[in-house]
Amino acid sequence: MAVSITTPQPGKFGFVLNATSADASGCEELLAAVAGKSIIIDHLTINNGAGVQSITIGQGETGGAVTTALIGPVAMAVNTSISWDFPSGIVLTAATSLTVDSTSNTALCVFAWGRIE
């Protein structure tokens, strides 16, 4: 289980991340926690590139699973994508990481942008 994350530079502020994993079944950190600040997600896209799986986006990791689910689990068929825009953002608890978990050991991609305040 390993996630590969690229972080393109946003135009003005915040973060952009593109995370791919061949196996997120043990929970993966997408964006590290920042002391005293909250991660705010403004956009999120999940792509299921391989086998059928249910994907959960959350905050924190406990025992190889998402501590608190923010979205999901979302059941996804092979080669499907789903996107969300959050006009006011989804605000994570301060000093908590953004995470992903899957019910399968198959490939997925998570693309997100937002800010840290």
PDB file of N, CA and C in Angstrom:
ATOM      1  N   MET A   1       0.833  -1.170   0.000  1.00  0.00           N
ATOM      2  CA  MET A   1       0.000   0.000   0.000  1.00  0.00           C
ATOM      3  C   MET A   1       0.877   1.231   0.000  1.00  0.00           C
ATOM      4  N   ALA A   2       0.756   1.986  -1.051  1.00  0.00           N
ATOM      5  CA  ALA A   2       1.477   3.249  -1.124  1.00  0.00           C
ATOM      6  C   ALA A   2       0.709   4.172  -2.035  1.00  0.00           C
ATOM      7  N   VAL A   3       0.680   5.405  -1.644  1.00  0.00           N
ATOM      8  CA  VAL A   3       0.007   6.403  -2.457  1.00  0.00           C
ATOM      9  C   VAL A   3       1.070   7.318  -3.037  1.00  0.00           C
ATOM     10  N   SER A   4       0.918   7.648  -4.316  1.00  0.00           N
ATOM     11  CA  SER A   4       1.821   8.569  -4.980  1.00  0.00           C
ATOM     12  C   SER A   4       1.077   9.879  -5.155  1.00  0.00           C
ATOM     13  N   ILE A   5       1.626  10.954  -4.608  1.00  0.00           N
ATOM     14  CA  ILE A   5       0.931  12.231  -4.609  1.00  0.00           C
ATOM     15  C   ILE A   5       1.761  13.279  -5.325  1.00  0.00           C
ATOM     16  N   THR A   6       1.127  13.952  -6.277  1.00  0.00           N
ATOM     17  CA  THR A   6       1.739  15.115  -6.894  1.00  0.00           C
ATOM     18  C   THR A   6       0.953  16.330  -6.430  1.00  0.00           C
ATOM     19  N   THR A   7       1.634  17.440  -6.252  1.00  0.00           N
ATOM     20  CA  THR A   7       0.989  18.643  -5.755  1.00  0.00           C
ATOM     21  C   THR A   7       1.291  19.802  -6.695  1.00  0.00           C
ATOM     22  N   PRO A   8       0.486  19.937  -7.769  1.00  0.00           N
ATOM     23  CA  PRO A   8       0.676  21.085  -8.660  1.00  0.00           C
ATOM     24  C   PRO A   8       0.516  22.394  -7.890  1.00  0.00           C
ATOM     25  N   GLN A   9       1.162  23.431  -8.354  1.00  0.00           N
ATOM     26  CA  GLN A   9       1.098  24.729  -7.695  1.00  0.00           C
ATOM     27  C   GLN A   9      -0.214  25.426  -8.031  1.00  0.00           C
ATOM     28  N   PRO A  10      -1.016  25.787  -7.020  1.00  0.00           N
ATOM     29  CA  PRO A  10      -2.241  26.535  -7.298  1.00  0.00           C
ATOM     30  C   PRO A  10      -1.914  27.951  -7.760  1.00  0.00           C
ATOM     31  N   GLY A  11      -2.861  28.570  -8.488  1.00  0.00           N
ATOM     32  CA  GLY A  11      -2.641  29.902  -9.039  1.00  0.00           C
ATOM     33  C   GLY A  11      -2.454  30.983  -7.998  1.00  0.00           C
ATOM     34  N   LYS A  12      -3.222  30.963  -6.901  1.00  0.00           N
ATOM     35  CA  LYS A  12      -3.140  32.051  -5.927  1.00  0.00           C
ATOM     36  C   LYS A  12      -2.794  31.551  -4.528  1.00  0.00           C
ATOM     37  N   PHE A  13      -3.502  30.550  -4.033  1.00  0.00           N
ATOM     38  CA  PHE A  13      -3.266  30.064  -2.680  1.00  0.00           C
ATOM     39  C   PHE A  13      -3.894  28.682  -2.547  1.00  0.00           C
ATOM     40  N   GLY A  14      -3.672  28.046  -1.410  1.00  0.00           N
ATOM     41  CA  GLY A  14      -4.297  26.749  -1.152  1.00  0.00           C
ATOM     42  C   GLY A  14      -3.454  25.580  -1.606  1.00  0.00           C
ATOM     43  N   PHE A  15      -4.141  24.473  -1.899  1.00  0.00           N
ATOM     44  CA  PHE A  15      -3.451  23.261  -2.339  1.00  0.00           C
ATOM     45  C   PHE A  15      -4.206  22.625  -3.499  1.00  0.00           C
ATOM     46  N   VAL A  16      -3.464  21.889  -4.299  1.00  0.00           N
ATOM     47  CA  VAL A  16      -3.999  21.016  -5.333  1.00  0.00           C
ATOM     48  C   VAL A  16      -3.275  19.703  -5.148  1.00  0.00           C
ATOM     49  N   LEU A  17      -4.012  18.582  -5.146  1.00  0.00           N
ATOM     50  CA  LEU A  17      -3.324  17.294  -5.043  1.00  0.00           C
ATOM     51  C   LEU A  17      -3.944  16.287  -5.991  1.00  0.00           C
ATOM     52  N   ASN A  18      -3.084  15.449  -6.513  1.00  0.00           N
ATOM     53  CA  ASN A  18      -3.470  14.349  -7.377  1.00  0.00           C
ATOM     54  C   ASN A  18      -2.824  13.103  -6.786  1.00  0.00           C
ATOM     55  N   ALA A  19      -3.638  12.232  -6.202  1.00  0.00           N
ATOM     56  CA  ALA A  19      -3.112  11.054  -5.505  1.00  0.00           C
ATOM     57  C   ALA A  19      -3.567   9.787  -6.204  1.00  0.00           C
ATOM     58  N   THR A  20      -2.627   8.930  -6.545  1.00  0.00           N
ATOM     59  CA  THR A  20      -2.949   7.640  -7.144  1.00  0.00           C
ATOM     60  C   THR A  20      -2.399   6.534  -6.261  1.00  0.00           C
ATOM     61  N   SER A  21      -3.143   5.443  -6.190  1.00  0.00           N
ATOM     62  CA  SER A  21      -2.712   4.312  -5.381  1.00  0.00           C
ATOM     63  C   SER A  21      -3.167   3.024  -6.038  1.00  0.00           C
ATOM     64  N   ALA A  22      -2.304   2.021  -6.017  1.00  0.00           N
ATOM     65  CA  ALA A  22      -2.666   0.699  -6.500  1.00  0.00           C
ATOM     66  C   ALA A  22      -3.415  -0.088  -5.431  1.00  0.00           C
ATOM     67  N   ASP A  23      -3.367   0.406  -4.185  1.00  0.00           N
ATOM     68  CA  ASP A  23      -4.020  -0.292  -3.073  1.00  0.00           C
ATOM     69  C   ASP A  23      -4.157   0.656  -1.890  1.00  0.00           C
ATOM     70  N   ALA A  24      -5.347   1.217  -1.716  1.00  0.00           N
ATOM     71  CA  ALA A  24      -5.591   2.121  -0.588  1.00  0.00           C
ATOM     72  C   ALA A  24      -6.397   1.416   0.502  1.00  0.00           C
ATOM     73  N   SER A  25      -6.354   0.084   0.497  1.00  0.00           N
ATOM     74  CA  SER A  25      -7.189  -0.681   1.432  1.00  0.00           C
ATOM     75  C   SER A  25      -6.738  -0.584   2.883  1.00  0.00           C
ATOM     76  N   GLY A  26      -5.579  -0.040   3.132  1.00  0.00           N
ATOM     77  CA  GLY A  26      -5.115   0.108   4.509  1.00  0.00           C
ATOM     78  C   GLY A  26      -5.145   1.545   4.975  1.00  0.00           C
ATOM     79  N   CYS A  27      -5.834   2.418   4.285  1.00  0.00           N
ATOM     80  CA  CYS A  27      -5.951   3.847   4.572  1.00  0.00           C
ATOM     81  C   CYS A  27      -4.651   4.562   4.189  1.00  0.00           C
ATOM     82  N   GLU A  28      -4.797   5.621   3.434  1.00  0.00           N
ATOM     83  CA  GLU A  28      -3.652   6.417   2.989  1.00  0.00           C
ATOM     84  C   GLU A  28      -3.874   7.879   3.337  1.00  0.00           C
ATOM     85  N   GLU A  29      -2.806   8.567   3.703  1.00  0.00           N
ATOM     86  CA  GLU A  29      -2.873  10.000   3.964  1.00  0.00           C
ATOM     87  C   GLU A  29      -2.716  10.759   2.653  1.00  0.00           C
ATOM     88  N   LEU A  30      -3.687  11.616   2.357  1.00  0.00           N
ATOM     89  CA  LEU A  30      -3.634  12.433   1.150  1.00  0.00           C
ATOM     90  C   LEU A  30      -2.972  13.784   1.405  1.00  0.00           C
ATOM     91  N   LEU A  31      -3.258  14.369   2.564  1.00  0.00           N
ATOM     92  CA  LEU A  31      -2.691  15.670   2.914  1.00  0.00           C
ATOM     93  C   LEU A  31      -2.466  15.693   4.418  1.00  0.00           C
ATOM     94  N   ALA A  32      -1.242  15.984   4.803  1.00  0.00           N
ATOM     95  CA  ALA A  32      -0.876  15.961   6.217  1.00  0.00           C
ATOM     96  C   ALA A  32      -1.585  17.066   6.999  1.00  0.00           C
ATOM     97  N   ALA A  33      -1.812  16.785   8.270  1.00  0.00           N
ATOM     98  CA  ALA A  33      -2.408  17.759   9.178  1.00  0.00           C
ATOM     99  C   ALA A  33      -1.461  18.932   9.362  1.00  0.00           C
ATOM    100  N   VAL A  34      -2.037  20.105   9.631  1.00  0.00           N
ATOM    101  CA  VAL A  34      -1.256  21.297   9.929  1.00  0.00           C
ATOM    102  C   VAL A  34      -1.657  21.758  11.327  1.00  0.00           C
ATOM    103  N   ALA A  35      -0.696  21.883  12.208  1.00  0.00           N
ATOM    104  CA  ALA A  35      -0.975  22.250  13.603  1.00  0.00           C
ATOM    105  C   ALA A  35      -1.784  23.533  13.696  1.00  0.00           C
ATOM    106  N   GLY A  36      -2.898  23.466  14.403  1.00  0.00           N
ATOM    107  CA  GLY A  36      -3.728  24.633  14.653  1.00  0.00           C
ATOM    108  C   GLY A  36      -4.553  25.124  13.478  1.00  0.00           C
ATOM    109  N   LYS A  37      -4.505  24.420  12.338  1.00  0.00           N
ATOM    110  CA  LYS A  37      -5.245  24.852  11.149  1.00  0.00           C
ATOM    111  C   LYS A  37      -6.096  23.710  10.611  1.00  0.00           C
ATOM    112  N   SER A  38      -7.119  24.088   9.822  1.00  0.00           N
ATOM    113  CA  SER A  38      -8.017  23.107   9.215  1.00  0.00           C
ATOM    114  C   SER A  38      -7.804  23.033   7.714  1.00  0.00           C
ATOM    115  N   ILE A  39      -7.850  21.823   7.176  1.00  0.00           N
ATOM    116  CA  ILE A  39      -7.874  21.602   5.741  1.00  0.00           C
ATOM    117  C   ILE A  39      -9.317  21.842   5.301  1.00  0.00           C
ATOM    118  N   ILE A  40      -9.486  22.600   4.242  1.00  0.00           N
ATOM    119  CA  ILE A  40     -10.820  22.862   3.694  1.00  0.00           C
ATOM    120  C   ILE A  40     -10.821  22.372   2.249  1.00  0.00           C
ATOM    121  N   ILE A  41     -11.722  21.459   1.941  1.00  0.00           N
ATOM    122  CA  ILE A  41     -11.813  20.876   0.599  1.00  0.00           C
ATOM    123  C   ILE A  41     -12.870  21.642  -0.190  1.00  0.00           C
ATOM    124  N   ASP A  42     -12.474  22.186  -1.350  1.00  0.00           N
ATOM    125  CA  ASP A  42     -13.400  22.904  -2.217  1.00  0.00           C
ATOM    126  C   ASP A  42     -13.857  22.057  -3.401  1.00  0.00           C
ATOM    127  N   HIS A  43     -13.038  21.121  -3.829  1.00  0.00           N
ATOM    128  CA  HIS A  43     -13.381  20.232  -4.942  1.00  0.00           C
ATOM    129  C   HIS A  43     -12.747  18.868  -4.689  1.00  0.00           C
ATOM    130  N   LEU A  44     -13.464  17.825  -5.113  1.00  0.00           N
ATOM    131  CA  LEU A  44     -12.957  16.461  -4.960  1.00  0.00           C
ATOM    132  C   LEU A  44     -13.458  15.609  -6.113  1.00  0.00           C
ATOM    133  N   THR A  45     -12.548  14.852  -6.719  1.00  0.00           N
ATOM    134  CA  THR A  45     -12.903  13.877  -7.741  1.00  0.00           C
ATOM    135  C   THR A  45     -12.284  12.551  -7.343  1.00  0.00           C
ATOM    136  N   ILE A  46     -13.076  11.483  -7.415  1.00  0.00           N
ATOM    137  CA  ILE A  46     -12.576  10.126  -7.183  1.00  0.00           C
ATOM    138  C   ILE A  46     -12.724   9.363  -8.488  1.00  0.00           C
ATOM    139  N   ASN A  47     -11.667   8.662  -8.884  1.00  0.00           N
ATOM    140  CA  ASN A  47     -11.710   7.793 -10.049  1.00  0.00           C
ATOM    141  C   ASN A  47     -11.338   6.389  -9.626  1.00  0.00           C
ATOM    142  N   ASN A  48     -12.197   5.439  -9.951  1.00  0.00           N
ATOM    143  CA  ASN A  48     -11.913   4.029  -9.691  1.00  0.00           C
ATOM    144  C   ASN A  48     -11.374   3.433 -10.977  1.00  0.00           C
ATOM    145  N   GLY A  49     -10.086   3.177 -11.018  1.00  0.00           N
ATOM    146  CA  GLY A  49      -9.447   2.726 -12.233  1.00  0.00           C
ATOM    147  C   GLY A  49      -9.398   1.230 -12.427  1.00  0.00           C
ATOM    148  N   ALA A  50      -9.786   0.456 -11.448  1.00  0.00           N
ATOM    149  CA  ALA A  50      -9.631  -0.999 -11.584  1.00  0.00           C
ATOM    150  C   ALA A  50     -10.882  -1.717 -11.079  1.00  0.00           C
ATOM    151  N   GLY A  51     -10.734  -2.627 -10.126  1.00  0.00           N
ATOM    152  CA  GLY A  51     -11.848  -3.459  -9.672  1.00  0.00           C
ATOM    153  C   GLY A  51     -12.922  -2.698  -8.923  1.00  0.00           C
ATOM    154  N   VAL A  52     -14.051  -3.349  -8.746  1.00  0.00           N
ATOM    155  CA  VAL A  52     -15.153  -2.790  -7.977  1.00  0.00           C
ATOM    156  C   VAL A  52     -14.675  -2.535  -6.555  1.00  0.00           C
ATOM    157  N   GLN A  53     -14.993  -1.347  -6.013  1.00  0.00           N
ATOM    158  CA  GLN A  53     -14.578  -1.020  -4.658  1.00  0.00           C
ATOM    159  C   GLN A  53     -15.455   0.083  -4.086  1.00  0.00           C
ATOM    160  N   SER A  54     -15.460   0.171  -2.779  1.00  0.00           N
ATOM    161  CA  SER A  54     -16.117   1.273  -2.081  1.00  0.00           C
ATOM    162  C   SER A  54     -15.016   2.134  -1.485  1.00  0.00           C
ATOM    163  N   ILE A  55     -15.114   3.449  -1.723  1.00  0.00           N
ATOM    164  CA  ILE A  55     -14.059   4.371  -1.338  1.00  0.00           C
ATOM    165  C   ILE A  55     -14.603   5.370  -0.324  1.00  0.00           C
ATOM    166  N   THR A  56     -13.819   5.609   0.717  1.00  0.00           N
ATOM    167  CA  THR A  56     -14.185   6.566   1.754  1.00  0.00           C
ATOM    168  C   THR A  56     -13.129   7.658   1.832  1.00  0.00           C
ATOM    169  N   ILE A  57     -13.574   8.900   1.804  1.00  0.00           N
ATOM    170  CA  ILE A  57     -12.703  10.049   2.030  1.00  0.00           C
ATOM    171  C   ILE A  57     -12.977  10.500   3.455  1.00  0.00           C
ATOM    172  N   GLY A  58     -11.920  10.734   4.219  1.00  0.00           N
ATOM    173  CA  GLY A  58     -12.149  11.082   5.616  1.00  0.00           C
ATOM    174  C   GLY A  58     -11.066  11.954   6.203  1.00  0.00           C
ATOM    175  N   GLN A  59     -11.172  12.089   7.511  1.00  0.00           N
ATOM    176  CA  GLN A  59     -10.158  12.842   8.248  1.00  0.00           C
ATOM    177  C   GLN A  59      -9.565  11.943   9.317  1.00  0.00           C
ATOM    178  N   GLY A  60      -8.234  11.902   9.339  1.00  0.00           N
ATOM    179  CA  GLY A  60      -7.515  11.092  10.315  1.00  0.00           C
ATOM    180  C   GLY A  60      -7.477   9.621   9.957  1.00  0.00           C
ATOM    181  N   GLU A  61      -6.584   8.908  10.647  1.00  0.00           N
ATOM    182  CA  GLU A  61      -6.433   7.462  10.468  1.00  0.00           C
ATOM    183  C   GLU A  61      -6.337   6.809  11.835  1.00  0.00           C
ATOM    184  N   THR A  62      -7.125   5.755  12.012  1.00  0.00           N
ATOM    185  CA  THR A  62      -7.095   4.975  13.244  1.00  0.00           C
ATOM    186  C   THR A  62      -7.110   3.504  12.877  1.00  0.00           C
ATOM    187  N   GLY A  63      -6.067   2.780  13.251  1.00  0.00           N
ATOM    188  CA  GLY A  63      -6.017   1.341  13.020  1.00  0.00           C
ATOM    189  C   GLY A  63      -6.154   0.930  11.566  1.00  0.00           C
ATOM    190  N   GLY A  64      -5.564   1.694  10.650  1.00  0.00           N
ATOM    191  CA  GLY A  64      -5.615   1.344   9.235  1.00  0.00           C
ATOM    192  C   GLY A  64      -6.935   1.677   8.567  1.00  0.00           C
ATOM    193  N   ALA A  65      -7.726   2.557   9.168  1.00  0.00           N
ATOM    194  CA  ALA A  65      -8.997   2.984   8.586  1.00  0.00           C
ATOM    195  C   ALA A  65      -9.197   4.476   8.836  1.00  0.00           C
ATOM    196  N   VAL A  66     -10.073   5.071   8.058  1.00  0.00           N
ATOM    197  CA  VAL A  66     -10.425   6.478   8.237  1.00  0.00           C
ATOM    198  C   VAL A  66     -11.043   6.653   9.621  1.00  0.00           C
ATOM    199  N   THR A  67     -10.604   7.668  10.361  1.00  0.00           N
ATOM    200  CA  THR A  67     -11.157   7.928  11.689  1.00  0.00           C
ATOM    201  C   THR A  67     -12.590   8.436  11.587  1.00  0.00           C
ATOM    202  N   THR A  68     -12.805   9.459  10.777  1.00  0.00           N
ATOM    203  CA  THR A  68     -14.135  10.033  10.581  1.00  0.00           C
ATOM    204  C   THR A  68     -14.398  10.166   9.093  1.00  0.00           C
ATOM    205  N   ALA A  69     -15.428   9.509   8.598  1.00  0.00           N
ATOM    206  CA  ALA A  69     -15.778   9.584   7.183  1.00  0.00           C
ATOM    207  C   ALA A  69     -16.387  10.940   6.864  1.00  0.00           C
ATOM    208  N   LEU A  70     -15.921  11.547   5.785  1.00  0.00           N
ATOM    209  CA  LEU A  70     -16.504  12.786   5.272  1.00  0.00           C
ATOM    210  C   LEU A  70     -17.408  12.483   4.087  1.00  0.00           C
ATOM    211  N   ILE A  71     -16.960  11.567   3.229  1.00  0.00           N
ATOM    212  CA  ILE A  71     -17.727  11.125   2.063  1.00  0.00           C
ATOM    213  C   ILE A  71     -17.568   9.621   1.960  1.00  0.00           C
ATOM    214  N   GLY A  72     -18.692   8.929   1.861  1.00  0.00           N
ATOM    215  CA  GLY A  72     -18.633   7.496   1.630  1.00  0.00           C
ATOM    216  C   GLY A  72     -18.871   6.672   2.866  1.00  0.00           C
ATOM    217  N   PRO A  73     -18.744   5.368   2.658  1.00  0.00           N
ATOM    218  CA  PRO A  73     -18.158   4.742   1.483  1.00  0.00           C
ATOM    219  C   PRO A  73     -19.043   4.871   0.244  1.00  0.00           C
ATOM    220  N   VAL A  74     -18.387   5.182  -0.876  1.00  0.00           N
ATOM    221  CA  VAL A  74     -19.051   5.325  -2.164  1.00  0.00           C
ATOM    222  C   VAL A  74     -18.735   4.077  -2.974  1.00  0.00           C
ATOM    223  N   ALA A  75     -19.766   3.302  -3.318  1.00  0.00           N
ATOM    224  CA  ALA A  75     -19.577   2.092  -4.131  1.00  0.00           C
ATOM    225  C   ALA A  75     -19.365   2.505  -5.580  1.00  0.00           C
ATOM    226  N   MET A  76     -18.269   2.023  -6.174  1.00  0.00           N
ATOM    227  CA  MET A  76     -17.932   2.434  -7.530  1.00  0.00           C
ATOM    228  C   MET A  76     -17.630   1.240  -8.415  1.00  0.00           C
ATOM    229  N   ALA A  77     -18.174   1.267  -9.620  1.00  0.00           N
ATOM    230  CA  ALA A  77     -17.883   0.250 -10.625  1.00  0.00           C
ATOM    231  C   ALA A  77     -16.528   0.569 -11.261  1.00  0.00           C
ATOM    232  N   VAL A  78     -16.018  -0.376 -12.027  1.00  0.00           N
ATOM    233  CA  VAL A  78     -14.732  -0.219 -12.698  1.00  0.00           C
ATOM    234  C   VAL A  78     -14.797   0.945 -13.694  1.00  0.00           C
ATOM    235  N   ASN A  79     -13.712   1.712 -13.764  1.00  0.00           N
ATOM    236  CA  ASN A  79     -13.566   2.830 -14.699  1.00  0.00           C
ATOM    237  C   ASN A  79     -14.677   3.868 -14.573  1.00  0.00           C
ATOM    238  N   THR A  80     -14.988   4.247 -13.341  1.00  0.00           N
ATOM    239  CA  THR A  80     -15.984   5.289 -13.097  1.00  0.00           C
ATOM    240  C   THR A  80     -15.360   6.415 -12.283  1.00  0.00           C
ATOM    241  N   SER A  81     -15.951   7.593 -12.411  1.00  0.00           N
ATOM    242  CA  SER A  81     -15.495   8.762 -11.659  1.00  0.00           C
ATOM    243  C   SER A  81     -16.702   9.479 -11.085  1.00  0.00           C
ATOM    244  N   ILE A  82     -16.465  10.201 -10.010  1.00  0.00           N
ATOM    245  CA  ILE A  82     -17.491  11.043  -9.407  1.00  0.00           C
ATOM    246  C   ILE A  82     -16.802  12.288  -8.876  1.00  0.00           C
ATOM    247  N   SER A  83     -17.459  13.441  -9.056  1.00  0.00           N
ATOM    248  CA  SER A  83     -16.877  14.719  -8.625  1.00  0.00           C
ATOM    249  C   SER A  83     -17.862  15.499  -7.784  1.00  0.00           C
ATOM    250  N   TRP A  84     -17.302  16.286  -6.877  1.00  0.00           N
ATOM    251  CA  TRP A  84     -18.094  17.184  -6.050  1.00  0.00           C
ATOM    252  C   TRP A  84     -17.414  18.542  -6.010  1.00  0.00           C
ATOM    253  N   ASP A  85     -18.228  19.601  -5.994  1.00  0.00           N
ATOM    254  CA  ASP A  85     -17.767  20.950  -5.699  1.00  0.00           C
ATOM    255  C   ASP A  85     -18.488  21.391  -4.437  1.00  0.00           C
ATOM    256  N   PHE A  86     -17.761  21.978  -3.527  1.00  0.00           N
ATOM    257  CA  PHE A  86     -18.321  22.427  -2.255  1.00  0.00           C
ATOM    258  C   PHE A  86     -18.153  23.944  -2.177  1.00  0.00           C
ATOM    259  N   PRO A  87     -19.205  24.709  -2.514  1.00  0.00           N
ATOM    260  CA  PRO A  87     -19.094  26.167  -2.569  1.00  0.00           C
ATOM    261  C   PRO A  87     -18.579  26.803  -1.277  1.00  0.00           C
ATOM    262  N   SER A  88     -18.916  26.241  -0.141  1.00  0.00           N
ATOM    263  CA  SER A  88     -18.431  26.783   1.133  1.00  0.00           C
ATOM    264  C   SER A  88     -17.308  25.943   1.721  1.00  0.00           C
ATOM    265  N   GLY A  89     -16.952  24.860   1.045  1.00  0.00           N
ATOM    266  CA  GLY A  89     -15.882  23.974   1.500  1.00  0.00           C
ATOM    267  C   GLY A  89     -16.338  22.985   2.555  1.00  0.00           C
ATOM    268  N   ILE A  90     -15.629  21.873   2.634  1.00  0.00           N
ATOM    269  CA  ILE A  90     -15.785  20.913   3.736  1.00  0.00           C
ATOM    270  C   ILE A  90     -14.607  21.176   4.665  1.00  0.00           C
ATOM    271  N   VAL A  91     -14.888  21.529   5.899  1.00  0.00           N
ATOM    272  CA  VAL A  91     -13.852  21.900   6.851  1.00  0.00           C
ATOM    273  C   VAL A  91     -13.523  20.707   7.749  1.00  0.00           C
ATOM    274  N   LEU A  92     -12.273  20.262   7.707  1.00  0.00           N
ATOM    275  CA  LEU A  92     -11.821  19.190   8.585  1.00  0.00           C
ATOM    276  C   LEU A  92     -11.511  19.759   9.963  1.00  0.00           C
ATOM    277  N   THR A  93     -11.557  18.914  10.959  1.00  0.00           N
ATOM    278  CA  THR A  93     -11.177  19.308  12.313  1.00  0.00           C
ATOM    279  C   THR A  93      -9.737  19.815  12.291  1.00  0.00           C
ATOM    280  N   ALA A  94      -9.459  20.860  13.033  1.00  0.00           N
ATOM    281  CA  ALA A  94      -8.103  21.424  13.078  1.00  0.00           C
ATOM    282  C   ALA A  94      -7.082  20.344  13.421  1.00  0.00           C
ATOM    283  N   ALA A  95      -5.923  20.438  12.797  1.00  0.00           N
ATOM    284  CA  ALA A  95      -4.795  19.520  13.031  1.00  0.00           C
ATOM    285  C   ALA A  95      -5.130  18.073  12.702  1.00  0.00           C
ATOM    286  N   THR A  96      -5.978  17.865  11.672  1.00  0.00           N
ATOM    287  CA  THR A  96      -6.355  16.509  11.242  1.00  0.00           C
ATOM    288  C   THR A  96      -6.040  16.348   9.763  1.00  0.00           C
ATOM    289  N   SER A  97      -5.490  15.187   9.393  1.00  0.00           N
ATOM    290  CA  SER A  97      -5.103  14.918   8.008  1.00  0.00           C
ATOM    291  C   SER A  97      -6.296  14.510   7.153  1.00  0.00           C
ATOM    292  N   LEU A  98      -6.152  14.683   5.838  1.00  0.00           N
ATOM    293  CA  LEU A  98      -7.122  14.225   4.851  1.00  0.00           C
ATOM    294  C   LEU A  98      -6.697  12.818   4.430  1.00  0.00           C
ATOM    295  N   THR A  99      -7.627  11.848   4.464  1.00  0.00           N
ATOM    296  CA  THR A  99      -7.286  10.452   4.204  1.00  0.00           C
ATOM    297  C   THR A  99      -8.261   9.805   3.231  1.00  0.00           C
ATOM    298  N   VAL A 100      -7.843   8.653   2.685  1.00  0.00           N
ATOM    299  CA  VAL A 100      -8.683   7.836   1.807  1.00  0.00           C
ATOM    300  C   VAL A 100      -8.529   6.384   2.213  1.00  0.00           C
ATOM    301  N   ASP A 101      -9.612   5.622   2.115  1.00  0.00           N
ATOM    302  CA  ASP A 101      -9.589   4.190   2.399  1.00  0.00           C
ATOM    303  C   ASP A 101     -10.460   3.489   1.363  1.00  0.00           C
ATOM    304  N   SER A 102     -10.146   2.238   1.076  1.00  0.00           N
ATOM    305  CA  SER A 102     -10.879   1.459   0.090  1.00  0.00           C
ATOM    306  C   SER A 102     -11.153   0.059   0.617  1.00  0.00           C
ATOM    307  N   THR A 103     -12.208  -0.551   0.098  1.00  0.00           N
ATOM    308  CA  THR A 103     -12.540  -1.922   0.476  1.00  0.00           C
ATOM    309  C   THR A 103     -11.797  -2.940  -0.368  1.00  0.00           C
ATOM    310  N   SER A 104     -11.021  -2.473  -1.351  1.00  0.00           N
ATOM    311  CA  SER A 104     -10.339  -3.388  -2.266  1.00  0.00           C
ATOM    312  C   SER A 104      -8.891  -2.960  -2.447  1.00  0.00           C
ATOM    313  N   ASN A 105      -8.096  -3.852  -2.968  1.00  0.00           N
ATOM    314  CA  ASN A 105      -6.687  -3.541  -3.226  1.00  0.00           C
ATOM    315  C   ASN A 105      -6.480  -3.242  -4.712  1.00  0.00           C
ATOM    316  N   THR A 106      -7.381  -2.442  -5.272  1.00  0.00           N
ATOM    317  CA  THR A 106      -7.293  -2.076  -6.684  1.00  0.00           C
ATOM    318  C   THR A 106      -7.061  -0.579  -6.836  1.00  0.00           C
ATOM    319  N   ALA A 107      -6.669  -0.167  -8.028  1.00  0.00           N
ATOM    320  CA  ALA A 107      -6.223   1.203  -8.282  1.00  0.00           C
ATOM    321  C   ALA A 107      -7.330   2.238  -8.153  1.00  0.00           C
ATOM    322  N   LEU A 108      -6.921   3.410  -7.649  1.00  0.00           N
ATOM    323  CA  LEU A 108      -7.833   4.548  -7.583  1.00  0.00           C
ATOM    324  C   LEU A 108      -7.028   5.830  -7.684  1.00  0.00           C
ATOM    325  N   CYS A 109      -7.740   6.925  -7.971  1.00  0.00           N
ATOM    326  CA  CYS A 109      -7.126   8.245  -8.034  1.00  0.00           C
ATOM    327  C   CYS A 109      -8.049   9.224  -7.319  1.00  0.00           C
ATOM    328  N   VAL A 110      -7.463  10.099  -6.528  1.00  0.00           N
ATOM    329  CA  VAL A 110      -8.212  11.159  -5.868  1.00  0.00           C
ATOM    330  C   VAL A 110      -7.562  12.482  -6.259  1.00  0.00           C
ATOM    331  N   PHE A 111      -8.387  13.383  -6.795  1.00  0.00           N
ATOM    332  CA  PHE A 111      -7.928  14.715  -7.160  1.00  0.00           C
ATOM    333  C   PHE A 111      -8.709  15.708  -6.312  1.00  0.00           C
ATOM    334  N   ALA A 112      -8.002  16.631  -5.674  1.00  0.00           N
ATOM    335  CA  ALA A 112      -8.687  17.585  -4.784  1.00  0.00           C
ATOM    336  C   ALA A 112      -7.986  18.930  -4.823  1.00  0.00           C
ATOM    337  N   TRP A 113      -8.766  19.977  -4.541  1.00  0.00           N
ATOM    338  CA  TRP A 113      -8.169  21.262  -4.275  1.00  0.00           C
ATOM    339  C   TRP A 113      -8.924  21.935  -3.149  1.00  0.00           C
ATOM    340  N   GLY A 114      -8.220  22.839  -2.494  1.00  0.00           N
ATOM    341  CA  GLY A 114      -8.817  23.529  -1.365  1.00  0.00           C
ATOM    342  C   GLY A 114      -7.819  24.481  -0.739  1.00  0.00           C
ATOM    343  N   ARG A 115      -7.993  24.684   0.559  1.00  0.00           N
ATOM    344  CA  ARG A 115      -7.149  25.651   1.263  1.00  0.00           C
ATOM    345  C   ARG A 115      -6.932  25.190   2.699  1.00  0.00           C
ATOM    346  N   ILE A 116      -5.994  25.816   3.358  1.00  0.00           N
ATOM    347  CA  ILE A 116      -5.703  25.509   4.760  1.00  0.00           C
ATOM    348  C   ILE A 116      -5.792  26.816   5.529  1.00  0.00           C
ATOM    349  N   GLU A 117      -6.680  26.832   6.508  1.00  0.00           N
ATOM    350  CA  GLU A 117      -6.886  28.068   7.290  1.00  0.00           C
ATOM    351  C   GLU A 117      -6.923  27.769   8.762  1.00  0.00           C
TER     352      GLU A 117
END
